[in-house]
Amino acid sequence: MSILTPVPPAQPWYARAFYKLPVIGWLARDLAFGDSDNVWYFLVILLTVLVLSVATWGLPALVVIALTYVPVHMALMVILARP
């Protein structure tokens, strides 16, 4: 991850502002404009955060993560069930 990954100037102002956020924006900028291997690094980071949250808070962390996936799965079911 590098804060020196260039952002194309043709991006709208809100995208440039999002990419300037300290941690989340740096990760998003590297995913969007960086090397193609950054996806794997991002997945390792997410898995590490999941493991550390479960180790810290236990079952409530798993429940909150599962509840955040419900709208995603509902949207996928609607998309896949269309004729």
Protein backbone atom coordinates (compact mmCIF):
# COMPACT_ATOMS: atom_id res chain seq x y z
CA MET A 1 0.00 0.00 0.00
CA SER A 2 1.33 3.35 -0.96
CA ILE A 3 0.05 6.85 -0.46
CA LEU A 4 1.90 7.74 -3.64
CA THR A 5 -0.43 5.79 -5.96
CA PRO A 6 -1.56 8.45 -8.42
CA VAL A 7 -5.24 9.34 -8.78
CA PRO A 8 -6.27 10.37 -12.30
CA PRO A 9 -7.31 14.04 -12.37
CA ALA A 10 -10.51 13.16 -14.25
CA GLN A 11 -12.05 11.76 -11.07
CA PRO A 12 -14.96 13.72 -9.51
CA TRP A 13 -14.26 15.75 -6.37
CA TYR A 14 -15.97 13.26 -4.03
CA ALA A 15 -13.87 10.36 -5.36
CA ARG A 16 -10.68 12.35 -4.89
CA ALA A 17 -11.81 13.26 -1.35
CA PHE A 18 -12.58 9.61 -0.57
CA TYR A 19 -9.17 8.49 -1.84
CA LYS A 20 -7.49 11.00 0.51
CA LEU A 21 -8.94 9.37 3.65
CA PRO A 22 -6.10 7.99 5.77
CA VAL A 23 -6.57 4.20 5.76
CA ILE A 24 -9.75 3.32 3.90
CA GLY A 25 -9.04 5.72 1.07
CA TRP A 26 -5.49 4.47 0.65
CA LEU A 27 -6.71 0.89 0.39
CA ALA A 28 -9.46 1.85 -2.06
CA ARG A 29 -7.04 3.86 -4.20
CA ASP A 30 -4.60 0.97 -4.34
CA LEU A 31 -7.40 -1.39 -5.31
CA ALA A 32 -8.69 0.92 -8.02
CA PHE A 33 -5.46 2.25 -9.53
CA GLY A 34 -2.64 0.14 -8.12
CA ASP A 35 -1.13 -3.23 -8.90
CA SER A 36 -3.45 -6.18 -9.57
CA ASP A 37 -1.93 -8.10 -6.64
CA ASN A 38 -3.34 -5.57 -4.18
CA VAL A 39 -6.66 -7.44 -4.20
CA TRP A 40 -5.01 -10.38 -2.45
CA TYR A 41 -3.38 -8.13 0.14
CA PHE A 42 -6.75 -6.49 0.80
CA LEU A 43 -8.39 -9.90 1.32
CA VAL A 44 -5.66 -10.86 3.81
CA ILE A 45 -6.29 -7.59 5.67
CA LEU A 46 -10.04 -8.29 5.82
CA LEU A 47 -9.47 -11.84 7.05
CA THR A 48 -7.08 -10.58 9.72
CA VAL A 49 -9.60 -7.99 10.91
CA LEU A 50 -12.28 -10.71 11.05
CA VAL A 51 -10.09 -13.05 13.10
CA LEU A 52 -9.00 -10.30 15.48
CA SER A 53 -12.56 -9.08 16.00
CA VAL A 54 -13.78 -12.59 16.79
CA ALA A 55 -10.83 -13.12 19.12
CA THR A 56 -11.62 -9.86 20.90
CA TRP A 57 -15.43 -9.82 21.05
CA GLY A 58 -16.39 -13.42 20.28
CA LEU A 59 -19.80 -14.39 18.93
CA PRO A 60 -21.24 -10.83 18.74
CA ALA A 61 -18.58 -9.96 16.15
CA LEU A 62 -19.67 -12.90 13.98
CA VAL A 63 -23.32 -11.94 14.34
CA VAL A 64 -22.70 -8.33 13.31
CA ILE A 65 -20.65 -9.45 10.30
CA ALA A 66 -23.36 -11.92 9.26
CA LEU A 67 -26.04 -9.24 9.59
CA THR A 68 -24.12 -6.93 7.29
CA TYR A 69 -24.14 -9.62 4.61
CA VAL A 70 -27.94 -9.97 4.62
CA PRO A 71 -28.66 -6.99 2.27
CA VAL A 72 -25.89 -8.16 -0.07
CA HIS A 73 -27.35 -11.64 -0.33
CA MET A 74 -30.88 -10.32 -0.75
CA ALA A 75 -29.74 -8.11 -3.62
CA LEU A 76 -27.95 -11.06 -5.22
CA MET A 77 -31.07 -13.20 -4.89
CA VAL A 78 -33.17 -10.50 -6.58
CA ILE A 79 -30.63 -10.11 -9.39
CA LEU A 80 -30.32 -13.84 -9.98
CA ALA A 81 -34.07 -14.51 -9.77
CA ARG A 82 -34.97 -12.05 -12.51
CA PRO A 83 -36.37 -13.74 -15.65
